[in-house]
Every structure is written in C-alpha cells, then in structure tokens.
C-alpha cells in the first residue's frame, strides 16, 4: 500500500510540474501553447493576476462556465479571485490534452482538459478557448469551461 501511495504522489508531482501536452495544426501552435503553459505556471505559483495575463484585457473577453457568463477582463479576474481565494481552493492546476487548431494568422481555437489537484478533491473538466493574436501576442478572448460531474 505504501508503494502505491508513493507512486501516486510521484505521479501527481510530475503532473503538476510538466508543461501541458499540446498538439495541433498551424504555424503558431507552439506560441499558443506557451500562453497556456504560462497560465498553468502562474496558477501553480498562486498568481491569479499572472494567470489572467493569458486573457485579452478587454471588455470583449467572455468567460462562460457553470451556467453563467462573465464579460470583461476585470470581472473575470474578480470571479477567479472570489472563487479561488485561498491556496487550498486553488490547488495545483494541470492542463492536458491540448489540441490547437489555427484558423488564420491571428485566430485559433484550443480544446483541452483541466484538473485541479487539491487535498479535499480533484475537480476536472473540459474547455474550449478562442484565442486571437494582437500586439501583446496570443490571448484568450473566449473561454467556455465545463466541469465533469
């Protein structure tokens, strides 16, 4: 039993520190994946504003989850800060199964899976992002995230 627990803990640490698995089609796949890796790293450092750097700082940002829609960067930041207000609530974030489809020079969508590793639970779900390339590079402009039951 102790060996199984040690192996599970080692796997968890590895999953929490790895860059997300990312593949797809288009010349900018790696650049888009780097944005998501930076978001994962910021989250795991307890830095929600750093995580939000991956989103377009605009009132045009749309975040849909749990049956509600939040519009605007500041409102989305406030939503994250209210929901994940402690290190225990934040846990460790892992993005997996990232699949990028670049649609044009400045537009792509990303499908992936998220998991939060927390002491009390391990919520997981799927997301679809629309990302656009602007002056600041690739940024999420639309995030539709769901939770697995």
Protein backbone atom coordinates (compact mmCIF):
# COMPACT_ATOMS: atom_id res chain seq x y z
CA UNK A 1 0.00 0.00 0.00
CA UNK A 2 2.82 2.39 0.87
CA UNK A 3 4.47 1.80 -2.52
CA UNK A 4 1.21 2.59 -4.33
CA UNK A 5 0.82 5.83 -2.33
CA UNK A 6 4.41 6.83 -3.07
CA UNK A 7 3.95 6.15 -6.79
CA UNK A 8 0.69 8.11 -6.84
CA UNK A 9 2.37 11.05 -5.09
CA UNK A 10 5.30 10.96 -7.53
CA UNK A 11 2.90 10.93 -10.49
CA UNK A 12 0.94 13.83 -9.00
CA UNK A 13 4.07 15.94 -8.54
CA UNK A 14 5.14 15.18 -12.13
CA UNK A 15 1.68 16.04 -13.50
CA UNK A 16 1.71 19.32 -11.59
CA UNK A 17 5.08 20.48 -12.90
CA UNK A 18 5.04 19.35 -16.52
CA UNK A 19 4.23 21.67 -19.38
CA UNK A 20 0.83 20.75 -20.79
CA UNK A 21 0.74 18.18 -23.58
CA UNK A 22 -0.05 20.22 -26.65
CA UNK A 23 -0.51 19.43 -30.32
CA UNK A 24 -2.43 20.76 -33.27
CA UNK A 25 -2.31 22.29 -36.70
CA UNK A 26 -0.92 25.65 -37.74
CA UNK A 27 2.33 27.57 -37.69
CA UNK A 28 1.62 29.19 -34.28
CA UNK A 29 0.69 26.10 -32.24
CA UNK A 30 3.80 26.33 -30.06
CA UNK A 31 3.30 30.04 -29.36
CA UNK A 32 -0.31 29.43 -28.34
CA UNK A 33 0.71 26.51 -26.12
CA UNK A 34 3.29 28.74 -24.41
CA UNK A 35 0.49 31.08 -23.31
CA UNK A 36 -1.35 28.17 -21.67
CA UNK A 37 1.84 26.88 -20.06
CA UNK A 38 2.46 30.35 -18.60
CA UNK A 39 -1.11 30.39 -17.27
CA UNK A 40 -0.67 26.98 -15.64
CA UNK A 41 2.66 28.07 -14.10
CA UNK A 42 1.18 31.33 -12.76
CA UNK A 43 -1.78 29.48 -11.23
CA UNK A 44 0.54 26.98 -9.56
CA UNK A 45 2.55 29.89 -8.13
CA UNK A 46 -0.67 31.26 -6.58
CA UNK A 47 -0.68 34.20 -9.01
CA UNK A 48 -4.21 34.73 -10.34
CA UNK A 49 -3.35 38.12 -11.96
CA UNK A 50 -0.44 36.33 -13.71
CA UNK A 51 -2.85 33.60 -14.82
CA UNK A 52 -5.10 36.34 -16.22
CA UNK A 53 -2.22 37.63 -18.38
CA UNK A 54 -3.26 34.91 -20.84
CA UNK A 55 -6.61 36.62 -21.35
CA UNK A 56 -7.27 39.68 -23.50
CA UNK A 57 -7.51 42.73 -21.23
CA UNK A 58 -10.73 43.98 -22.75
CA UNK A 59 -14.42 44.29 -22.05
CA UNK A 60 -14.83 41.95 -25.04
CA UNK A 61 -13.47 38.96 -23.07
CA UNK A 62 -16.17 36.35 -22.45
CA UNK A 63 -15.90 33.58 -19.85
CA UNK A 64 -18.70 31.01 -19.70
CA UNK A 65 -18.87 28.34 -17.00
CA UNK A 66 -21.38 26.77 -14.66
CA UNK A 67 -24.37 28.20 -16.48
CA UNK A 68 -23.20 31.80 -16.24
CA UNK A 69 -21.34 34.21 -18.47
CA UNK A 70 -18.85 36.79 -17.24
CA UNK A 71 -17.95 39.60 -19.62
CA UNK A 72 -14.79 41.67 -19.38
CA UNK A 73 -11.28 41.10 -18.08
CA UNK A 74 -11.76 42.85 -14.71
CA UNK A 75 -14.98 40.96 -13.97
CA UNK A 76 -13.34 37.66 -14.91
CA UNK A 77 -10.39 38.43 -12.63
CA UNK A 78 -12.79 39.25 -9.79
CA UNK A 79 -14.66 35.98 -10.40
CA UNK A 80 -11.44 33.95 -10.17
CA UNK A 81 -10.27 35.83 -7.07
CA UNK A 82 -13.59 35.27 -5.28
CA UNK A 83 -13.84 31.59 -6.20
CA UNK A 84 -10.18 30.72 -5.56
CA UNK A 85 -9.43 32.90 -2.56
CA UNK A 86 -7.05 30.54 -0.72
CA UNK A 87 -4.16 28.28 -1.73
CA UNK A 88 -6.29 25.27 -0.76
CA UNK A 89 -9.07 26.41 -3.09
CA UNK A 90 -6.58 26.99 -5.92
CA UNK A 91 -4.82 23.65 -5.58
CA UNK A 92 -2.47 22.68 -8.41
CA UNK A 93 -3.67 23.17 -11.99
CA UNK A 94 -2.82 20.80 -14.82
CA UNK A 95 -3.84 21.36 -18.43
CA UNK A 96 -3.77 18.20 -20.54
CA UNK A 97 -4.81 17.03 -23.99
CA UNK A 98 -4.42 20.49 -25.51
CA UNK A 99 -5.37 20.50 -29.17
CA UNK A 100 -4.87 23.75 -31.10
CA UNK A 101 -6.45 24.49 -34.46
CA UNK A 102 -5.15 27.64 -36.04
CA UNK A 103 -7.83 29.20 -38.26
CA UNK A 104 -5.89 32.18 -39.64
CA UNK A 105 -2.80 34.26 -38.93
CA UNK A 106 -4.48 35.77 -35.88
CA UNK A 107 -7.18 33.31 -34.76
CA UNK A 108 -7.27 29.79 -33.34
CA UNK A 109 -9.26 27.61 -31.02
CA UNK A 110 -7.96 25.32 -28.32
CA UNK A 111 -9.67 22.30 -26.81
CA UNK A 112 -8.33 20.79 -23.61
CA UNK A 113 -8.84 19.30 -20.20
CA UNK A 114 -8.19 20.93 -16.82
CA UNK A 115 -7.72 19.29 -13.44
CA UNK A 116 -7.24 20.88 -10.04
CA UNK A 117 -5.33 18.67 -7.61
CA UNK A 118 -6.46 19.64 -4.13
CA UNK A 119 -6.24 17.95 -0.76
CA UNK A 120 -10.01 17.55 -0.42
CA UNK A 121 -10.96 16.77 -4.03
CA UNK A 122 -9.84 16.65 -7.65
CA UNK A 123 -12.26 18.56 -9.88
CA UNK A 124 -11.76 18.22 -13.61
CA UNK A 125 -13.43 19.26 -16.82
CA UNK A 126 -13.06 20.42 -20.39
CA UNK A 127 -12.61 23.78 -22.04
CA UNK A 128 -12.74 25.38 -25.46
CA UNK A 129 -10.88 28.64 -25.96
CA UNK A 130 -10.90 31.10 -28.81
CA UNK A 131 -7.55 32.87 -28.98
CA UNK A 132 -6.57 35.89 -31.04
CA UNK A 133 -3.16 37.32 -31.84
CA UNK A 134 -2.73 41.04 -31.23
CA UNK A 135 0.03 43.45 -30.28
CA UNK A 136 0.66 41.60 -27.00
CA UNK A 137 0.72 38.17 -28.69
CA UNK A 138 -1.83 35.38 -28.39
CA UNK A 139 -4.58 35.94 -25.83
CA UNK A 140 -7.79 34.14 -24.89
CA UNK A 141 -10.85 36.13 -25.98
CA UNK A 142 -13.49 33.48 -25.22
CA UNK A 143 -13.33 30.70 -22.62
CA UNK A 144 -16.05 28.10 -22.28
CA UNK A 145 -15.19 25.79 -19.38
CA UNK A 146 -17.21 22.86 -18.08
CA UNK A 147 -16.87 20.61 -15.05
CA UNK A 148 -17.24 16.85 -15.11
CA UNK A 149 -19.98 15.55 -12.84
